[in-house]
């Protein structure tokens, strides 16, 4: 095998970020398929990034963008899509007349309840594959590595 082939094979096998990204994309695909089948064909995984970051009293789109770690333009597009689909509403921000708050509608609340139940199903399926102890260990390791990477990101961002 030539050097290039060896290098690409090594990178493919040892690229943890690549494996996590691929796993994430697979989960998004499977989730979106289930949502569509269960009556939510207009929702994507990117929409969940907005919905999961909302405060009960509403949140400005700029704050949502920061929390989801996306641009304000991207968050603006997500807000528009979810508003058009009826999952969120917009209302004036009482503290700033120029700003609007994004709030869940009853339809959005229904989807979040549904989503919580699908996460329980997913955890059960993963437990069937790995067994509960290994799933717990995997989850703990993933949280630990995420915290490590986030701390590194925070250090870099502070310069």
C-alpha atoms as a PDB file:
ATOM      1  CA  UNK A   1       0.000   0.000   0.000  1.00  0.00           C
ATOM      2  CA  UNK A   2       1.412   3.407  -0.875  1.00  0.00           C
ATOM      3  CA  UNK A   3       2.046   6.179   1.651  1.00  0.00           C
ATOM      4  CA  UNK A   4      -0.989   8.221   0.594  1.00  0.00           C
ATOM      5  CA  UNK A   5      -3.313   5.246   0.991  1.00  0.00           C
ATOM      6  CA  UNK A   6      -1.833   4.438   4.401  1.00  0.00           C
ATOM      7  CA  UNK A   7      -2.246   8.019   5.562  1.00  0.00           C
ATOM      8  CA  UNK A   8      -5.861   8.276   4.410  1.00  0.00           C
ATOM      9  CA  UNK A   9      -6.673   4.906   5.983  1.00  0.00           C
ATOM     10  CA  UNK A  10      -5.088   5.985   9.279  1.00  0.00           C
ATOM     11  CA  UNK A  11      -6.971   9.289   9.217  1.00  0.00           C
ATOM     12  CA  UNK A  12     -10.251   7.524   8.460  1.00  0.00           C
ATOM     13  CA  UNK A  13      -9.776   5.035  11.278  1.00  0.00           C
ATOM     14  CA  UNK A  14      -8.488   7.435  13.933  1.00  0.00           C
ATOM     15  CA  UNK A  15     -10.532  10.553  13.157  1.00  0.00           C
ATOM     16  CA  UNK A  16     -12.762  10.636  16.219  1.00  0.00           C
ATOM     17  CA  UNK A  17     -14.346  13.934  15.154  1.00  0.00           C
ATOM     18  CA  UNK A  18     -15.191  12.401  11.783  1.00  0.00           C
ATOM     19  CA  UNK A  19     -16.819   9.380  13.418  1.00  0.00           C
ATOM     20  CA  UNK A  20     -18.832  11.593  15.779  1.00  0.00           C
ATOM     21  CA  UNK A  21     -19.903  13.822  12.877  1.00  0.00           C
ATOM     22  CA  UNK A  22     -21.002  10.791  10.837  1.00  0.00           C
ATOM     23  CA  UNK A  23     -22.908   9.380  13.832  1.00  0.00           C
ATOM     24  CA  UNK A  24     -24.552  12.766  14.377  1.00  0.00           C
ATOM     25  CA  UNK A  25     -25.648  12.961  10.721  1.00  0.00           C
ATOM     26  CA  UNK A  26     -27.055   9.423  10.894  1.00  0.00           C
ATOM     27  CA  UNK A  27     -29.040  10.290  14.023  1.00  0.00           C
ATOM     28  CA  UNK A  28     -30.353  13.461  12.383  1.00  0.00           C
ATOM     29  CA  UNK A  29     -31.446  11.512   9.303  1.00  0.00           C
ATOM     30  CA  UNK A  30     -33.163   8.806  11.347  1.00  0.00           C
ATOM     31  CA  UNK A  31     -34.803  11.367  13.647  1.00  0.00           C
ATOM     32  CA  UNK A  32     -36.106  13.480  10.774  1.00  0.00           C
ATOM     33  CA  UNK A  33     -37.496  10.369   9.081  1.00  0.00           C
ATOM     34  CA  UNK A  34     -39.338   9.384  12.258  1.00  0.00           C
ATOM     35  CA  UNK A  35     -40.636  12.910  12.801  1.00  0.00           C
ATOM     36  CA  UNK A  36     -41.990  13.002   9.247  1.00  0.00           C
ATOM     37  CA  UNK A  37     -43.633   9.609   9.683  1.00  0.00           C
ATOM     38  CA  UNK A  38     -45.181  10.742  12.979  1.00  0.00           C
ATOM     39  CA  UNK A  39     -46.656  13.959  11.559  1.00  0.00           C
ATOM     40  CA  UNK A  40     -43.836  16.502  11.736  1.00  0.00           C
ATOM     41  CA  UNK A  41     -42.508  16.513   8.149  1.00  0.00           C
ATOM     42  CA  UNK A  42     -41.579  20.191   8.251  1.00  0.00           C
ATOM     43  CA  UNK A  43     -39.037  19.901  11.084  1.00  0.00           C
ATOM     44  CA  UNK A  44     -35.304  19.319  10.828  1.00  0.00           C
ATOM     45  CA  UNK A  45     -32.614  18.723  13.403  1.00  0.00           C
ATOM     46  CA  UNK A  46     -31.466  22.318  12.966  1.00  0.00           C
ATOM     47  CA  UNK A  47     -34.891  23.477  14.189  1.00  0.00           C
ATOM     48  CA  UNK A  48     -34.350  21.587  17.441  1.00  0.00           C
ATOM     49  CA  UNK A  49     -31.335  23.815  18.105  1.00  0.00           C
ATOM     50  CA  UNK A  50     -33.709  26.754  18.290  1.00  0.00           C
ATOM     51  CA  UNK A  51     -36.511  25.001  20.182  1.00  0.00           C
ATOM     52  CA  UNK A  52     -34.267  23.542  22.878  1.00  0.00           C
ATOM     53  CA  UNK A  53     -32.703  26.929  23.629  1.00  0.00           C
ATOM     54  CA  UNK A  54     -35.941  28.867  24.187  1.00  0.00           C
ATOM     55  CA  UNK A  55     -36.730  30.282  27.602  1.00  0.00           C
ATOM     56  CA  UNK A  56     -40.311  29.795  28.839  1.00  0.00           C
ATOM     57  CA  UNK A  57     -40.920  33.559  28.686  1.00  0.00           C
ATOM     58  CA  UNK A  58     -39.402  33.922  25.209  1.00  0.00           C
ATOM     59  CA  UNK A  59     -35.913  34.612  23.904  1.00  0.00           C
ATOM     60  CA  UNK A  60     -34.400  37.059  21.449  1.00  0.00           C
ATOM     61  CA  UNK A  61     -33.115  35.501  18.237  1.00  0.00           C
ATOM     62  CA  UNK A  62     -29.629  36.899  18.892  1.00  0.00           C
ATOM     63  CA  UNK A  63     -29.489  35.038  22.223  1.00  0.00           C
ATOM     64  CA  UNK A  64     -30.755  31.867  20.543  1.00  0.00           C
ATOM     65  CA  UNK A  65     -27.991  32.166  17.932  1.00  0.00           C
ATOM     66  CA  UNK A  66     -25.373  32.508  20.651  1.00  0.00           C
ATOM     67  CA  UNK A  67     -26.710  29.518  22.590  1.00  0.00           C
ATOM     68  CA  UNK A  68     -26.925  27.331  19.480  1.00  0.00           C
ATOM     69  CA  UNK A  69     -23.520  28.558  18.274  1.00  0.00           C
ATOM     70  CA  UNK A  70     -24.822  29.627  14.869  1.00  0.00           C
ATOM     71  CA  UNK A  71     -24.831  32.969  13.092  1.00  0.00           C
ATOM     72  CA  UNK A  72     -27.620  35.471  13.641  1.00  0.00           C
ATOM     73  CA  UNK A  73     -28.539  35.070   9.976  1.00  0.00           C
ATOM     74  CA  UNK A  74     -28.905  31.304  10.357  1.00  0.00           C
ATOM     75  CA  UNK A  75     -31.009  31.733  13.479  1.00  0.00           C
ATOM     76  CA  UNK A  76     -33.148  34.329  11.702  1.00  0.00           C
ATOM     77  CA  UNK A  77     -33.858  31.782   8.958  1.00  0.00           C
ATOM     78  CA  UNK A  78     -34.760  29.112  11.536  1.00  0.00           C
ATOM     79  CA  UNK A  79     -37.066  31.521  13.381  1.00  0.00           C
ATOM     80  CA  UNK A  80     -38.806  32.409  10.119  1.00  0.00           C
ATOM     81  CA  UNK A  81     -39.272  28.747   9.170  1.00  0.00           C
ATOM     82  CA  UNK A  82     -40.653  27.795  12.587  1.00  0.00           C
ATOM     83  CA  UNK A  83     -42.866  30.885  12.696  1.00  0.00           C
ATOM     84  CA  UNK A  84     -44.287  30.089   9.258  1.00  0.00           C
ATOM     85  CA  UNK A  85     -44.931  26.487  10.360  1.00  0.00           C
ATOM     86  CA  UNK A  86     -46.605  27.607  13.581  1.00  0.00           C
ATOM     87  CA  UNK A  87     -44.118  26.191  16.085  1.00  0.00           C
ATOM     88  CA  UNK A  88     -43.059  29.583  17.459  1.00  0.00           C
ATOM     89  CA  UNK A  89     -44.637  32.978  17.770  1.00  0.00           C
ATOM     90  CA  UNK A  90     -43.087  36.436  17.878  1.00  0.00           C
ATOM     91  CA  UNK A  91     -43.974  39.184  20.303  1.00  0.00           C
ATOM     92  CA  UNK A  92     -42.466  42.557  21.179  1.00  0.00           C
ATOM     93  CA  UNK A  93     -39.754  42.591  23.819  1.00  0.00           C
ATOM     94  CA  UNK A  94     -41.069  44.757  26.658  1.00  0.00           C
ATOM     95  CA  UNK A  95     -37.508  45.862  27.494  1.00  0.00           C
ATOM     96  CA  UNK A  96     -36.652  46.981  23.947  1.00  0.00           C
ATOM     97  CA  UNK A  97     -39.268  48.074  21.404  1.00  0.00           C
ATOM     98  CA  UNK A  98     -36.901  47.255  18.528  1.00  0.00           C
ATOM     99  CA  UNK A  99     -36.512  43.609  19.536  1.00  0.00           C
ATOM    100  CA  UNK A 100     -38.847  40.632  19.404  1.00  0.00           C
ATOM    101  CA  UNK A 101     -39.074  37.570  21.602  1.00  0.00           C
ATOM    102  CA  UNK A 102     -39.431  34.106  20.117  1.00  0.00           C
ATOM    103  CA  UNK A 103     -41.891  31.952  22.080  1.00  0.00           C
ATOM    104  CA  UNK A 104     -43.222  28.449  21.746  1.00  0.00           C
ATOM    105  CA  UNK A 105     -46.761  28.058  20.494  1.00  0.00           C
ATOM    106  CA  UNK A 106     -48.992  25.174  21.611  1.00  0.00           C
ATOM    107  CA  UNK A 107     -47.871  23.349  18.446  1.00  0.00           C
ATOM    108  CA  UNK A 108     -44.221  23.871  19.436  1.00  0.00           C
ATOM    109  CA  UNK A 109     -44.915  22.650  22.961  1.00  0.00           C
ATOM    110  CA  UNK A 110     -46.566  19.549  21.496  1.00  0.00           C
ATOM    111  CA  UNK A 111     -43.507  18.814  19.389  1.00  0.00           C
ATOM    112  CA  UNK A 112     -41.167  19.188  22.380  1.00  0.00           C
ATOM    113  CA  UNK A 113     -43.286  16.716  24.370  1.00  0.00           C
ATOM    114  CA  UNK A 114     -43.205  14.328  21.431  1.00  0.00           C
ATOM    115  CA  UNK A 115     -39.441  14.843  21.068  1.00  0.00           C
ATOM    116  CA  UNK A 116     -38.861  13.965  24.723  1.00  0.00           C
ATOM    117  CA  UNK A 117     -40.652  10.648  24.201  1.00  0.00           C
ATOM    118  CA  UNK A 118     -38.575   9.855  21.105  1.00  0.00           C
ATOM    119  CA  UNK A 119     -35.391  10.464  23.096  1.00  0.00           C
ATOM    120  CA  UNK A 120     -36.530   7.887  25.642  1.00  0.00           C
ATOM    121  CA  UNK A 121     -37.111   5.437  22.782  1.00  0.00           C
ATOM    122  CA  UNK A 122     -33.659   6.187  21.352  1.00  0.00           C
ATOM    123  CA  UNK A 123     -31.973   5.658  24.708  1.00  0.00           C
ATOM    124  CA  UNK A 124     -33.785   2.338  25.036  1.00  0.00           C
ATOM    125  CA  UNK A 125     -32.628   1.282  21.550  1.00  0.00           C
ATOM    126  CA  UNK A 126     -29.025   2.232  22.323  1.00  0.00           C
ATOM    127  CA  UNK A 127     -29.290   0.345  25.613  1.00  0.00           C
ATOM    128  CA  UNK A 128     -30.385  -2.730  23.664  1.00  0.00           C
ATOM    129  CA  UNK A 129     -27.290  -2.455  21.462  1.00  0.00           C
ATOM    130  CA  UNK A 130     -24.679  -1.621  24.107  1.00  0.00           C
ATOM    131  CA  UNK A 131     -26.326  -2.748  27.314  1.00  0.00           C
ATOM    132  CA  UNK A 132     -27.203  -0.221  30.025  1.00  0.00           C
ATOM    133  CA  UNK A 133     -23.769  -0.171  31.740  1.00  0.00           C
ATOM    134  CA  UNK A 134     -21.870   0.461  28.489  1.00  0.00           C
ATOM    135  CA  UNK A 135     -24.405   3.090  27.400  1.00  0.00           C
ATOM    136  CA  UNK A 136     -23.985   4.873  30.743  1.00  0.00           C
ATOM    137  CA  UNK A 137     -20.201   4.722  30.364  1.00  0.00           C
ATOM    138  CA  UNK A 138     -20.384   5.953  26.760  1.00  0.00           C
ATOM    139  CA  UNK A 139     -22.651   8.832  27.793  1.00  0.00           C
ATOM    140  CA  UNK A 140     -20.361   9.800  30.673  1.00  0.00           C
ATOM    141  CA  UNK A 141     -17.303   9.697  28.393  1.00  0.00           C
ATOM    142  CA  UNK A 142     -19.055  11.797  25.771  1.00  0.00           C
ATOM    143  CA  UNK A 143     -19.995  14.417  28.382  1.00  0.00           C
ATOM    144  CA  UNK A 144     -16.436  14.445  29.715  1.00  0.00           C
ATOM    145  CA  UNK A 145     -14.896  14.867  26.258  1.00  0.00           C
ATOM    146  CA  UNK A 146     -17.441  17.562  25.385  1.00  0.00           C
ATOM    147  CA  UNK A 147     -16.581  19.477  28.561  1.00  0.00           C
ATOM    148  CA  UNK A 148     -12.863  19.161  27.756  1.00  0.00           C
ATOM    149  CA  UNK A 149     -13.341  20.428  24.197  1.00  0.00           C
ATOM    150  CA  UNK A 150     -15.646  23.247  25.365  1.00  0.00           C
ATOM    151  CA  UNK A 151     -13.065  24.376  27.936  1.00  0.00           C
ATOM    152  CA  UNK A 152     -10.415  24.438  25.207  1.00  0.00           C
ATOM    153  CA  UNK A 153     -12.748  26.443  22.945  1.00  0.00           C
ATOM    154  CA  UNK A 154     -13.412  28.922  25.751  1.00  0.00           C
ATOM    155  CA  UNK A 155      -9.672  29.343  26.310  1.00  0.00           C
ATOM    156  CA  UNK A 156      -9.057  30.015  22.619  1.00  0.00           C
ATOM    157  CA  UNK A 157     -12.024  32.395  22.382  1.00  0.00           C
ATOM    158  CA  UNK A 158     -10.772  34.456  25.324  1.00  0.00           C
ATOM    159  CA  UNK A 159      -7.613  35.548  23.471  1.00  0.00           C
END
